[in-house]
Amino acid sequence: MGGDGWPSGWLRGVIELAVLAIAAEGETYGYALGSRLAEAGLGKIKGGTLYPILNRLEESGALAAEWRQGDGGPGRKFYWITEEGQVRLLLEQQQWLTFSARATSIINPKGRPNDA
């Protein structure tokens, strides 16, 4: 899946939510999404992973998309979050925060500082 050494299961668990959160920042396209994920420290997510996720989110109604002609280059498929996607994002953000807090309380029960 990619990532800077992150276990692939961790990335699988958060990638759709991360893509929705990025799309909520504004209209975007696949390469820009991948770059944003890498900049956030999740590592390089391969197109073979990212584009099926975008397709699933579009098919579920969480994202809308449109092909647009490029300026002197190939066209791009632009994505933006829908109202349904906004609702999903808000729900899943809260669920993720609760889940990650509970997992952290088990993994690091004494609140020791991490080395990251």
PDB file of N, CA and C in Angstrom:
ATOM      1  N   MET A   1       0.825  -1.197   0.000  1.00  0.00           N
ATOM      2  CA  MET A   1       0.000   0.000   0.000  1.00  0.00           C
ATOM      3  C   MET A   1       0.861   1.249   0.000  1.00  0.00           C
ATOM      4  N   GLY A   2       2.004   1.160   0.568  1.00  0.00           N
ATOM      5  CA  GLY A   2       2.849   2.339   0.652  1.00  0.00           C
ATOM      6  C   GLY A   2       3.008   2.756   2.089  1.00  0.00           C
ATOM      7  N   GLY A   3       3.481   3.944   2.291  1.00  0.00           N
ATOM      8  CA  GLY A   3       3.660   4.434   3.640  1.00  0.00           C
ATOM      9  C   GLY A   3       5.125   4.424   4.019  1.00  0.00           C
ATOM     10  N   ASP A   4       5.441   5.218   4.991  1.00  0.00           N
ATOM     11  CA  ASP A   4       6.815   5.326   5.463  1.00  0.00           C
ATOM     12  C   ASP A   4       7.082   4.277   6.525  1.00  0.00           C
ATOM     13  N   GLY A   5       6.906   3.021   6.154  1.00  0.00           N
ATOM     14  CA  GLY A   5       7.129   1.947   7.088  1.00  0.00           C
ATOM     15  C   GLY A   5       5.941   1.662   7.991  1.00  0.00           C
ATOM     16  N   TRP A   6       4.822   2.325   7.760  1.00  0.00           N
ATOM     17  CA  TRP A   6       3.630   2.063   8.562  1.00  0.00           C
ATOM     18  C   TRP A   6       3.078   0.697   8.190  1.00  0.00           C
ATOM     19  N   PRO A   7       2.615  -0.056   9.164  1.00  0.00           N
ATOM     20  CA  PRO A   7       1.967  -1.325   8.819  1.00  0.00           C
ATOM     21  C   PRO A   7       0.782  -1.088   7.885  1.00  0.00           C
ATOM     22  N   SER A   8       0.665  -1.918   6.873  1.00  0.00           N
ATOM     23  CA  SER A   8      -0.378  -1.706   5.866  1.00  0.00           C
ATOM     24  C   SER A   8      -1.772  -1.756   6.465  1.00  0.00           C
ATOM     25  N   GLY A   9      -1.976  -2.536   7.510  1.00  0.00           N
ATOM     26  CA  GLY A   9      -3.287  -2.594   8.162  1.00  0.00           C
ATOM     27  C   GLY A   9      -3.688  -1.261   8.749  1.00  0.00           C
ATOM     28  N   TRP A  10      -2.726  -0.503   9.266  1.00  0.00           N
ATOM     29  CA  TRP A  10      -3.028   0.817   9.810  1.00  0.00           C
ATOM     30  C   TRP A  10      -3.505   1.733   8.683  1.00  0.00           C
ATOM     31  N   LEU A  11      -2.795   1.695   7.560  1.00  0.00           N
ATOM     32  CA  LEU A  11      -3.164   2.551   6.427  1.00  0.00           C
ATOM     33  C   LEU A  11      -4.539   2.168   5.875  1.00  0.00           C
ATOM     34  N   ARG A  12      -4.794   0.867   5.759  1.00  0.00           N
ATOM     35  CA  ARG A  12      -6.105   0.424   5.265  1.00  0.00           C
ATOM     36  C   ARG A  12      -7.217   0.944   6.166  1.00  0.00           C
ATOM     37  N   GLY A  13      -6.937   1.030   7.462  1.00  0.00           N
ATOM     38  CA  GLY A  13      -7.949   1.457   8.407  1.00  0.00           C
ATOM     39  C   GLY A  13      -8.269   2.938   8.354  1.00  0.00           C
ATOM     40  N   VAL A  14      -7.359   3.742   7.825  1.00  0.00           N
ATOM     41  CA  VAL A  14      -7.552   5.193   7.894  1.00  0.00           C
ATOM     42  C   VAL A  14      -7.608   5.883   6.523  1.00  0.00           C
ATOM     43  N   ILE A  15      -7.229   5.189   5.460  1.00  0.00           N
ATOM     44  CA  ILE A  15      -7.061   5.856   4.171  1.00  0.00           C
ATOM     45  C   ILE A  15      -8.349   6.471   3.617  1.00  0.00           C
ATOM     46  N   GLU A  16      -9.473   5.770   3.702  1.00  0.00           N
ATOM     47  CA  GLU A  16     -10.712   6.346   3.170  1.00  0.00           C
ATOM     48  C   GLU A  16     -11.106   7.598   3.934  1.00  0.00           C
ATOM     49  N   LEU A  17     -10.971   7.554   5.250  1.00  0.00           N
ATOM     50  CA  LEU A  17     -11.291   8.726   6.065  1.00  0.00           C
ATOM     51  C   LEU A  17     -10.357   9.879   5.730  1.00  0.00           C
ATOM     52  N   ALA A  18      -9.080   9.582   5.546  1.00  0.00           N
ATOM     53  CA  ALA A  18      -8.118  10.624   5.183  1.00  0.00           C
ATOM     54  C   ALA A  18      -8.451  11.234   3.827  1.00  0.00           C
ATOM     55  N   VAL A  19      -8.832  10.409   2.866  1.00  0.00           N
ATOM     56  CA  VAL A  19      -9.201  10.915   1.532  1.00  0.00           C
ATOM     57  C   VAL A  19     -10.437  11.814   1.637  1.00  0.00           C
ATOM     58  N   LEU A  20     -11.431  11.402   2.401  1.00  0.00           N
ATOM     59  CA  LEU A  20     -12.623  12.241   2.589  1.00  0.00           C
ATOM     60  C   LEU A  20     -12.252  13.576   3.235  1.00  0.00           C
ATOM     61  N   ALA A  21     -11.383  13.532   4.240  1.00  0.00           N
ATOM     62  CA  ALA A  21     -10.978  14.768   4.918  1.00  0.00           C
ATOM     63  C   ALA A  21     -10.249  15.711   3.960  1.00  0.00           C
ATOM     64  N   ILE A  22      -9.405  15.168   3.112  1.00  0.00           N
ATOM     65  CA  ILE A  22      -8.704  16.007   2.132  1.00  0.00           C
ATOM     66  C   ILE A  22      -9.694  16.585   1.121  1.00  0.00           C
ATOM     67  N   ALA A  23     -10.623  15.763   0.655  1.00  0.00           N
ATOM     68  CA  ALA A  23     -11.625  16.255  -0.299  1.00  0.00           C
ATOM     69  C   ALA A  23     -12.487  17.350   0.333  1.00  0.00           C
ATOM     70  N   ALA A  24     -12.682  17.296   1.642  1.00  0.00           N
ATOM     71  CA  ALA A  24     -13.473  18.323   2.327  1.00  0.00           C
ATOM     72  C   ALA A  24     -12.744  19.669   2.352  1.00  0.00           C
ATOM     73  N   GLU A  25     -11.423  19.648   2.153  1.00  0.00           N
ATOM     74  CA  GLU A  25     -10.644  20.889   2.107  1.00  0.00           C
ATOM     75  C   GLU A  25     -10.894  21.653   0.810  1.00  0.00           C
ATOM     76  N   GLY A  26     -11.356  20.956  -0.222  1.00  0.00           N
ATOM     77  CA  GLY A  26     -11.607  21.581  -1.510  1.00  0.00           C
ATOM     78  C   GLY A  26     -11.415  20.581  -2.637  1.00  0.00           C
ATOM     79  N   GLU A  27     -11.905  20.959  -3.778  1.00  0.00           N
ATOM     80  CA  GLU A  27     -11.826  20.117  -4.966  1.00  0.00           C
ATOM     81  C   GLU A  27     -10.378  19.680  -5.213  1.00  0.00           C
ATOM     82  N   THR A  28     -10.209  18.419  -5.615  1.00  0.00           N
ATOM     83  CA  THR A  28      -8.866  17.898  -5.802  1.00  0.00           C
ATOM     84  C   THR A  28      -8.864  16.801  -6.861  1.00  0.00           C
ATOM     85  N   TYR A  29      -7.711  16.258  -7.165  1.00  0.00           N
ATOM     86  CA  TYR A  29      -7.585  15.160  -8.120  1.00  0.00           C
ATOM     87  C   TYR A  29      -6.596  14.148  -7.551  1.00  0.00           C
ATOM     88  N   GLY A  30      -6.529  12.986  -8.163  1.00  0.00           N
ATOM     89  CA  GLY A  30      -5.787  11.867  -7.616  1.00  0.00           C
ATOM     90  C   GLY A  30      -4.349  12.154  -7.248  1.00  0.00           C
ATOM     91  N   TYR A  31      -3.587  12.745  -8.153  1.00  0.00           N
ATOM     92  CA  TYR A  31      -2.178  13.002  -7.866  1.00  0.00           C
ATOM     93  C   TYR A  31      -2.030  13.957  -6.689  1.00  0.00           C
ATOM     94  N   ALA A  32      -2.859  14.994  -6.645  1.00  0.00           N
ATOM     95  CA  ALA A  32      -2.802  15.956  -5.545  1.00  0.00           C
ATOM     96  C   ALA A  32      -3.176  15.288  -4.217  1.00  0.00           C
ATOM     97  N   LEU A  33      -4.154  14.393  -4.258  1.00  0.00           N
ATOM     98  CA  LEU A  33      -4.527  13.649  -3.059  1.00  0.00           C
ATOM     99  C   LEU A  33      -3.353  12.810  -2.558  1.00  0.00           C
ATOM    100  N   GLY A  34      -2.715  12.097  -3.459  1.00  0.00           N
ATOM    101  CA  GLY A  34      -1.571  11.280  -3.092  1.00  0.00           C
ATOM    102  C   GLY A  34      -0.444  12.116  -2.501  1.00  0.00           C
ATOM    103  N   SER A  35      -0.207  13.275  -3.097  1.00  0.00           N
ATOM    104  CA  SER A  35       0.826  14.179  -2.587  1.00  0.00           C
ATOM    105  C   SER A  35       0.486  14.678  -1.191  1.00  0.00           C
ATOM    106  N   ARG A  36      -0.775  15.012  -0.993  1.00  0.00           N
ATOM    107  CA  ARG A  36      -1.225  15.506   0.321  1.00  0.00           C
ATOM    108  C   ARG A  36      -1.086  14.426   1.393  1.00  0.00           C
ATOM    109  N   LEU A  37      -1.415  13.180   1.055  1.00  0.00           N
ATOM    110  CA  LEU A  37      -1.250  12.067   1.994  1.00  0.00           C
ATOM    111  C   LEU A  37       0.221  11.886   2.355  1.00  0.00           C
ATOM    112  N   ALA A  38       1.096  11.984   1.351  1.00  0.00           N
ATOM    113  CA  ALA A  38       2.531  11.846   1.601  1.00  0.00           C
ATOM    114  C   ALA A  38       3.040  12.997   2.465  1.00  0.00           C
ATOM    115  N   GLU A  39       2.611  14.221   2.163  1.00  0.00           N
ATOM    116  CA  GLU A  39       3.024  15.388   2.942  1.00  0.00           C
ATOM    117  C   GLU A  39       2.576  15.273   4.399  1.00  0.00           C
ATOM    118  N   ALA A  40       1.448  14.621   4.623  1.00  0.00           N
ATOM    119  CA  ALA A  40       0.927  14.452   5.980  1.00  0.00           C
ATOM    120  C   ALA A  40       1.682  13.362   6.746  1.00  0.00           C
ATOM    121  N   GLY A  41       2.589  12.656   6.060  1.00  0.00           N
ATOM    122  CA  GLY A  41       3.394  11.650   6.721  1.00  0.00           C
ATOM    123  C   GLY A  41       2.880  10.229   6.602  1.00  0.00           C
ATOM    124  N   LEU A  42       1.863  10.027   5.768  1.00  0.00           N
ATOM    125  CA  LEU A  42       1.344   8.670   5.593  1.00  0.00           C
ATOM    126  C   LEU A  42       2.127   7.880   4.561  1.00  0.00           C
ATOM    127  N   GLY A  43       3.030   8.526   3.863  1.00  0.00           N
ATOM    128  CA  GLY A  43       3.846   7.858   2.870  1.00  0.00           C
ATOM    129  C   GLY A  43       3.243   7.960   1.481  1.00  0.00           C
ATOM    130  N   LYS A  44       3.970   7.410   0.520  1.00  0.00           N
ATOM    131  CA  LYS A  44       3.520   7.430  -0.878  1.00  0.00           C
ATOM    132  C   LYS A  44       2.485   6.326  -1.061  1.00  0.00           C
ATOM    133  N   ILE A  45       1.278   6.727  -1.380  1.00  0.00           N
ATOM    134  CA  ILE A  45       0.204   5.772  -1.630  1.00  0.00           C
ATOM    135  C   ILE A  45       0.142   5.545  -3.135  1.00  0.00           C
ATOM    136  N   LYS A  46       0.281   4.311  -3.556  1.00  0.00           N
ATOM    137  CA  LYS A  46       0.317   3.986  -4.978  1.00  0.00           C
ATOM    138  C   LYS A  46      -1.055   4.200  -5.624  1.00  0.00           C
ATOM    139  N   GLY A  47      -1.025   4.533  -6.901  1.00  0.00           N
ATOM    140  CA  GLY A  47      -2.265   4.731  -7.655  1.00  0.00           C
ATOM    141  C   GLY A  47      -3.158   3.508  -7.636  1.00  0.00           C
ATOM    142  N   GLY A  48      -2.563   2.321  -7.632  1.00  0.00           N
ATOM    143  CA  GLY A  48      -3.330   1.084  -7.592  1.00  0.00           C
ATOM    144  C   GLY A  48      -4.097   0.910  -6.294  1.00  0.00           C
ATOM    145  N   THR A  49      -3.738   1.670  -5.285  1.00  0.00           N
ATOM    146  CA  THR A  49      -4.462   1.692  -4.014  1.00  0.00           C
ATOM    147  C   THR A  49      -5.420   2.867  -3.979  1.00  0.00           C
ATOM    148  N   LEU A  50      -4.934   4.041  -4.372  1.00  0.00           N
ATOM    149  CA  LEU A  50      -5.702   5.274  -4.251  1.00  0.00           C
ATOM    150  C   LEU A  50      -6.919   5.318  -5.176  1.00  0.00           C
ATOM    151  N   TYR A  51      -6.754   4.959  -6.440  1.00  0.00           N
ATOM    152  CA  TYR A  51      -7.862   5.115  -7.391  1.00  0.00           C
ATOM    153  C   TYR A  51      -9.044   4.182  -7.114  1.00  0.00           C
ATOM    154  N   PRO A  52      -8.811   2.954  -6.688  1.00  0.00           N
ATOM    155  CA  PRO A  52      -9.976   2.138  -6.288  1.00  0.00           C
ATOM    156  C   PRO A  52     -10.723   2.731  -5.082  1.00  0.00           C
ATOM    157  N   ILE A  53      -9.994   3.349  -4.169  1.00  0.00           N
ATOM    158  CA  ILE A  53     -10.636   4.012  -3.030  1.00  0.00           C
ATOM    159  C   ILE A  53     -11.492   5.169  -3.525  1.00  0.00           C
ATOM    160  N   LEU A  54     -10.949   5.974  -4.426  1.00  0.00           N
ATOM    161  CA  LEU A  54     -11.716   7.090  -4.993  1.00  0.00           C
ATOM    162  C   LEU A  54     -12.963   6.580  -5.710  1.00  0.00           C
ATOM    163  N   ASN A  55     -12.817   5.489  -6.449  1.00  0.00           N
ATOM    164  CA  ASN A  55     -13.976   4.911  -7.144  1.00  0.00           C
ATOM    165  C   ASN A  55     -15.039   4.437  -6.157  1.00  0.00           C
ATOM    166  N   ARG A  56     -14.609   3.766  -5.080  1.00  0.00           N
ATOM    167  CA  ARG A  56     -15.576   3.306  -4.067  1.00  0.00           C
ATOM    168  C   ARG A  56     -16.286   4.477  -3.407  1.00  0.00           C
ATOM    169  N   LEU A  57     -15.546   5.524  -3.084  1.00  0.00           N
ATOM    170  CA  LEU A  57     -16.155   6.690  -2.448  1.00  0.00           C
ATOM    171  C   LEU A  57     -17.126   7.394  -3.403  1.00  0.00           C
ATOM    172  N   GLU A  58     -16.778   7.411  -4.679  1.00  0.00           N
ATOM    173  CA  GLU A  58     -17.674   7.999  -5.670  1.00  0.00           C
ATOM    174  C   GLU A  58     -18.931   7.140  -5.829  1.00  0.00           C
ATOM    175  N   GLU A  59     -18.767   5.833  -5.932  1.00  0.00           N
ATOM    176  CA  GLU A  59     -19.908   4.933  -6.095  1.00  0.00           C
ATOM    177  C   GLU A  59     -20.833   4.961  -4.882  1.00  0.00           C
ATOM    178  N   SER A  60     -20.279   5.191  -3.706  1.00  0.00           N
ATOM    179  CA  SER A  60     -21.093   5.239  -2.487  1.00  0.00           C
ATOM    180  C   SER A  60     -21.813   6.573  -2.323  1.00  0.00           C
ATOM    181  N   GLY A  61     -21.444   7.562  -3.140  1.00  0.00           N
ATOM    182  CA  GLY A  61     -22.075   8.876  -3.051  1.00  0.00           C
ATOM    183  C   GLY A  61     -21.357   9.843  -2.130  1.00  0.00           C
ATOM    184  N   ALA A  62     -20.220   9.431  -1.559  1.00  0.00           N
ATOM    185  CA  ALA A  62     -19.478  10.310  -0.661  1.00  0.00           C
ATOM    186  C   ALA A  62     -18.676  11.364  -1.431  1.00  0.00           C
ATOM    187  N   LEU A  63     -18.278  11.020  -2.647  1.00  0.00           N
ATOM    188  CA  LEU A  63     -17.566  11.954  -3.523  1.00  0.00           C
ATOM    189  C   LEU A  63     -18.308  12.055  -4.845  1.00  0.00           C
ATOM    190  N   ALA A  64     -18.179  13.207  -5.465  1.00  0.00           N
ATOM    191  CA  ALA A  64     -18.630  13.392  -6.843  1.00  0.00           C
ATOM    192  C   ALA A  64     -17.373  13.657  -7.664  1.00  0.00           C
ATOM    193  N   ALA A  65     -17.454  13.411  -8.969  1.00  0.00           N
ATOM    194  CA  ALA A  65     -16.271  13.557  -9.809  1.00  0.00           C
ATOM    195  C   ALA A  65     -16.654  14.038 -11.197  1.00  0.00           C
ATOM    196  N   GLU A  66     -15.651  14.612 -11.863  1.00  0.00           N
ATOM    197  CA  GLU A  66     -15.859  15.105 -13.221  1.00  0.00           C
ATOM    198  C   GLU A  66     -14.516  15.140 -13.939  1.00  0.00           C
ATOM    199  N   TRP A  67     -14.495  14.616 -15.165  1.00  0.00           N
ATOM    200  CA  TRP A  67     -13.299  14.708 -16.002  1.00  0.00           C
ATOM    201  C   TRP A  67     -13.224  16.106 -16.588  1.00  0.00           C
ATOM    202  N   ARG A  68     -12.023  16.679 -16.579  1.00  0.00           N
ATOM    203  CA  ARG A  68     -11.813  18.013 -17.159  1.00  0.00           C
ATOM    204  C   ARG A  68     -10.581  17.987 -18.044  1.00  0.00           C
ATOM    205  N   GLN A  69     -10.671  18.726 -19.125  1.00  0.00           N
ATOM    206  CA  GLN A  69      -9.559  18.855 -20.055  1.00  0.00           C
ATOM    207  C   GLN A  69      -8.401  19.555 -19.369  1.00  0.00           C
ATOM    208  N   GLY A  70      -7.192  19.070 -19.609  1.00  0.00           N
ATOM    209  CA  GLY A  70      -6.001  19.682 -19.030  1.00  0.00           C
ATOM    210  C   GLY A  70      -5.539  20.873 -19.852  1.00  0.00           C
ATOM    211  N   ASP A  71      -4.773  21.754 -19.222  1.00  0.00           N
ATOM    212  CA  ASP A  71      -4.191  22.910 -19.911  1.00  0.00           C
ATOM    213  C   ASP A  71      -2.902  22.467 -20.592  1.00  0.00           C
ATOM    214  N   GLY A  72      -3.012  22.054 -21.836  1.00  0.00           N
ATOM    215  CA  GLY A  72      -1.860  21.626 -22.597  1.00  0.00           C
ATOM    216  C   GLY A  72      -1.388  20.219 -22.258  1.00  0.00           C
ATOM    217  N   GLY A  73      -2.144  19.495 -21.477  1.00  0.00           N
ATOM    218  CA  GLY A  73      -1.762  18.137 -21.102  1.00  0.00           C
ATOM    219  C   GLY A  73      -3.001  17.271 -21.017  1.00  0.00           C
ATOM    220  N   PRO A  74      -2.835  16.096 -20.454  1.00  0.00           N
ATOM    221  CA  PRO A  74      -3.984  15.193 -20.352  1.00  0.00           C
ATOM    222  C   PRO A  74      -5.026  15.730 -19.372  1.00  0.00           C
ATOM    223  N   GLY A  75      -6.239  15.276 -19.535  1.00  0.00           N
ATOM    224  CA  GLY A  75      -7.300  15.665 -18.623  1.00  0.00           C
ATOM    225  C   GLY A  75      -7.120  15.018 -17.268  1.00  0.00           C
ATOM    226  N   ARG A  76      -7.892  15.524 -16.327  1.00  0.00           N
ATOM    227  CA  ARG A  76      -7.845  14.995 -14.965  1.00  0.00           C
ATOM    228  C   ARG A  76      -9.262  14.798 -14.470  1.00  0.00           C
ATOM    229  N   LYS A  77      -9.398  13.833 -13.580  1.00  0.00           N
ATOM    230  CA  LYS A  77     -10.676  13.616 -12.921  1.00  0.00           C
ATOM    231  C   LYS A  77     -10.614  14.325 -11.576  1.00  0.00           C
ATOM    232  N   PHE A  78     -11.471  15.319 -11.415  1.00  0.00           N
ATOM    233  CA  PHE A  78     -11.528  16.091 -10.182  1.00  0.00           C
ATOM    234  C   PHE A  78     -12.603  15.522  -9.271  1.00  0.00           C
ATOM    235  N   TYR A  79     -12.318  15.550  -7.977  1.00  0.00           N
ATOM    236  CA  TYR A  79     -13.220  15.008  -6.964  1.00  0.00           C
ATOM    237  C   TYR A  79     -13.564  16.090  -5.954  1.00  0.00           C
ATOM    238  N   TRP A  80     -14.778  16.019  -5.440  1.00  0.00           N
ATOM    239  CA  TRP A  80     -15.185  16.886  -4.341  1.00  0.00           C
ATOM    240  C   TRP A  80     -16.159  16.126  -3.459  1.00  0.00           C
ATOM    241  N   ILE A  81     -16.200  16.524  -2.208  1.00  0.00           N
ATOM    242  CA  ILE A  81     -17.039  15.833  -1.246  1.00  0.00           C
ATOM    243  C   ILE A  81     -18.493  16.262  -1.435  1.00  0.00           C
ATOM    244  N   THR A  82     -19.404  15.333  -1.291  1.00  0.00           N
ATOM    245  CA  THR A  82     -20.832  15.610  -1.411  1.00  0.00           C
ATOM    246  C   THR A  82     -21.410  15.865  -0.014  1.00  0.00           C
ATOM    247  N   GLU A  83     -22.662  16.234   0.017  1.00  0.00           N
ATOM    248  CA  GLU A  83     -23.338  16.408   1.305  1.00  0.00           C
ATOM    249  C   GLU A  83     -23.333  15.087   2.081  1.00  0.00           C
ATOM    250  N   GLU A  84     -23.605  14.001   1.371  1.00  0.00           N
ATOM    251  CA  GLU A  84     -23.568  12.672   1.994  1.00  0.00           C
ATOM    252  C   GLU A  84     -22.163  12.355   2.520  1.00  0.00           C
ATOM    253  N   GLY A  85     -21.161  12.755   1.765  1.00  0.00           N
ATOM    254  CA  GLY A  85     -19.783  12.549   2.191  1.00  0.00           C
ATOM    255  C   GLY A  85     -19.434  13.369   3.424  1.00  0.00           C
ATOM    256  N   GLN A  86     -19.981  14.589   3.499  1.00  0.00           N
ATOM    257  CA  GLN A  86     -19.754  15.436   4.676  1.00  0.00           C
ATOM    258  C   GLN A  86     -20.322  14.776   5.931  1.00  0.00           C
ATOM    259  N   VAL A  87     -21.522  14.222   5.811  1.00  0.00           N
ATOM    260  CA  VAL A  87     -22.149  13.539   6.941  1.00  0.00           C
ATOM    261  C   VAL A  87     -21.291  12.342   7.355  1.00  0.00           C
ATOM    262  N   ARG A  88     -20.870  11.569   6.378  1.00  0.00           N
ATOM    263  CA  ARG A  88     -20.018  10.402   6.658  1.00  0.00           C
ATOM    264  C   ARG A  88     -18.719  10.833   7.314  1.00  0.00           C
ATOM    265  N   LEU A  89     -18.099  11.889   6.793  1.00  0.00           N
ATOM    266  CA  LEU A  89     -16.837  12.383   7.336  1.00  0.00           C
ATOM    267  C   LEU A  89     -16.992  12.773   8.803  1.00  0.00           C
ATOM    268  N   LEU A  90     -18.006  13.535   9.118  1.00  0.00           N
ATOM    269  CA  LEU A  90     -18.211  13.966  10.507  1.00  0.00           C
ATOM    270  C   LEU A  90     -18.403  12.773  11.437  1.00  0.00           C
ATOM    271  N   LEU A  91     -19.207  11.809  11.011  1.00  0.00           N
ATOM    272  CA  LEU A  91     -19.446  10.619  11.823  1.00  0.00           C
ATOM    273  C   LEU A  91     -18.156   9.819  12.015  1.00  0.00           C
ATOM    274  N   GLU A  92     -17.453   9.571  10.919  1.00  0.00           N
ATOM    275  CA  GLU A  92     -16.252   8.747  10.993  1.00  0.00           C
ATOM    276  C   GLU A  92     -15.099   9.454  11.700  1.00  0.00           C
ATOM    277  N   GLN A  93     -15.052  10.788  11.607  1.00  0.00           N
ATOM    278  CA  GLN A  93     -14.029  11.518  12.361  1.00  0.00           C
ATOM    279  C   GLN A  93     -14.217  11.263  13.854  1.00  0.00           C
ATOM    280  N   GLN A  94     -15.449  11.394  14.326  1.00  0.00           N
ATOM    281  CA  GLN A  94     -15.720  11.175  15.745  1.00  0.00           C
ATOM    282  C   GLN A  94     -15.425   9.729  16.137  1.00  0.00           C
ATOM    283  N   GLN A  95     -15.841   8.801  15.286  1.00  0.00           N
ATOM    284  CA  GLN A  95     -15.564   7.397  15.571  1.00  0.00           C
ATOM    285  C   GLN A  95     -14.060   7.139  15.630  1.00  0.00           C
ATOM    286  N   TRP A  96     -13.305   7.722  14.707  1.00  0.00           N
ATOM    287  CA  TRP A  96     -11.862   7.521  14.679  1.00  0.00           C
ATOM    288  C   TRP A  96     -11.219   8.091  15.939  1.00  0.00           C
ATOM    289  N   LEU A  97     -11.623   9.281  16.358  1.00  0.00           N
ATOM    290  CA  LEU A  97     -11.048   9.888  17.553  1.00  0.00           C
ATOM    291  C   LEU A  97     -11.316   9.031  18.787  1.00  0.00           C
ATOM    292  N   THR A  98     -12.516   8.498  18.886  1.00  0.00           N
ATOM    293  CA  THR A  98     -12.848   7.624  20.011  1.00  0.00           C
ATOM    294  C   THR A  98     -12.026   6.344  19.949  1.00  0.00           C
ATOM    295  N   PHE A  99     -11.998   5.717  18.777  1.00  0.00           N
ATOM    296  CA  PHE A  99     -11.249   4.474  18.595  1.00  0.00           C
ATOM    297  C   PHE A  99      -9.770   4.666  18.901  1.00  0.00           C
ATOM    298  N   SER A 100      -9.164   5.717  18.321  1.00  0.00           N
ATOM    299  CA  SER A 100      -7.725   5.920  18.511  1.00  0.00           C
ATOM    300  C   SER A 100      -7.400   6.251  19.968  1.00  0.00           C
ATOM    301  N   ALA A 101      -8.265   6.983  20.652  1.00  0.00           N
ATOM    302  CA  ALA A 101      -8.045   7.270  22.071  1.00  0.00           C
ATOM    303  C   ALA A 101      -8.090   5.978  22.886  1.00  0.00           C
ATOM    304  N   ARG A 102      -9.039   5.100  22.579  1.00  0.00           N
ATOM    305  CA  ARG A 102      -9.138   3.825  23.295  1.00  0.00           C
ATOM    306  C   ARG A 102      -7.938   2.936  23.008  1.00  0.00           C
ATOM    307  N   ALA A 103      -7.523   2.890  21.758  1.00  0.00           N
ATOM    308  CA  ALA A 103      -6.348   2.085  21.415  1.00  0.00           C
ATOM    309  C   ALA A 103      -5.106   2.640  22.113  1.00  0.00           C
ATOM    310  N   THR A 104      -4.959   3.952  22.135  1.00  0.00           N
ATOM    311  CA  THR A 104      -3.817   4.579  22.790  1.00  0.00           C
ATOM    312  C   THR A 104      -3.813   4.280  24.284  1.00  0.00           C
ATOM    313  N   SER A 105      -4.979   4.239  24.899  1.00  0.00           N
ATOM    314  CA  SER A 105      -5.036   3.963  26.341  1.00  0.00           C
ATOM    315  C   SER A 105      -4.560   2.551  26.661  1.00  0.00           C
ATOM    316  N   ILE A 106      -4.639   1.661  25.696  1.00  0.00           N
ATOM    317  CA  ILE A 106      -4.132   0.294  25.884  1.00  0.00           C
ATOM    318  C   ILE A 106      -2.647   0.225  25.536  1.00  0.00           C
ATOM    319  N   ILE A 107      -2.289   0.814  24.413  1.00  0.00           N
ATOM    320  CA  ILE A 107      -0.921   0.734  23.914  1.00  0.00           C
ATOM    321  C   ILE A 107       0.045   1.541  24.779  1.00  0.00           C
ATOM    322  N   ASN A 108      -0.407   2.676  25.275  1.00  0.00           N
ATOM    323  CA  ASN A 108       0.435   3.582  26.052  1.00  0.00           C
ATOM    324  C   ASN A 108      -0.320   4.015  27.310  1.00  0.00           C
ATOM    325  N   PRO A 109      -0.584   3.074  28.228  1.00  0.00           N
ATOM    326  CA  PRO A 109      -1.462   3.348  29.366  1.00  0.00           C
ATOM    327  C   PRO A 109      -0.957   4.413  30.329  1.00  0.00           C
ATOM    328  N   LYS A 110       0.334   4.599  30.417  1.00  0.00           N
ATOM    329  CA  LYS A 110       0.868   5.583  31.358  1.00  0.00           C
ATOM    330  C   LYS A 110       1.146   6.920  30.686  1.00  0.00           C
ATOM    331  N   GLY A 111       0.752   7.035  29.417  1.00  0.00           N
ATOM    332  CA  GLY A 111       0.931   8.304  28.689  1.00  0.00           C
ATOM    333  C   GLY A 111       2.377   8.689  28.494  1.00  0.00           C
ATOM    334  N   ARG A 112       3.241   7.672  28.350  1.00  0.00           N
ATOM    335  CA  ARG A 112       4.650   7.967  28.117  1.00  0.00           C
ATOM    336  C   ARG A 112       4.817   8.720  26.802  1.00  0.00           C
ATOM    337  N   PRO A 113       5.735   9.672  26.771  1.00  0.00           N
ATOM    338  CA  PRO A 113       5.956  10.410  25.507  1.00  0.00           C
ATOM    339  C   PRO A 113       6.456   9.451  24.427  1.00  0.00           C
ATOM    340  N   ASN A 114       6.075   9.735  23.210  1.00  0.00           N
ATOM    341  CA  ASN A 114       6.567   8.898  22.105  1.00  0.00           C
ATOM    342  C   ASN A 114       7.828   9.532  21.516  1.00  0.00           C
ATOM    343  N   ASP A 115       8.466   8.786  20.664  1.00  0.00           N
ATOM    344  CA  ASP A 115       9.705   9.275  20.046  1.00  0.00           C
ATOM    345  C   ASP A 115       9.493   9.850  18.660  1.00  0.00           C
ATOM    346  N   ALA A 116       8.226  10.010  18.253  1.00  0.00           N
ATOM    347  CA  ALA A 116       7.936  10.476  16.890  1.00  0.00           C
ATOM    348  C   ALA A 116       8.211  11.946  16.748  1.00  0.00           C
TER     349      ALA A 116
END
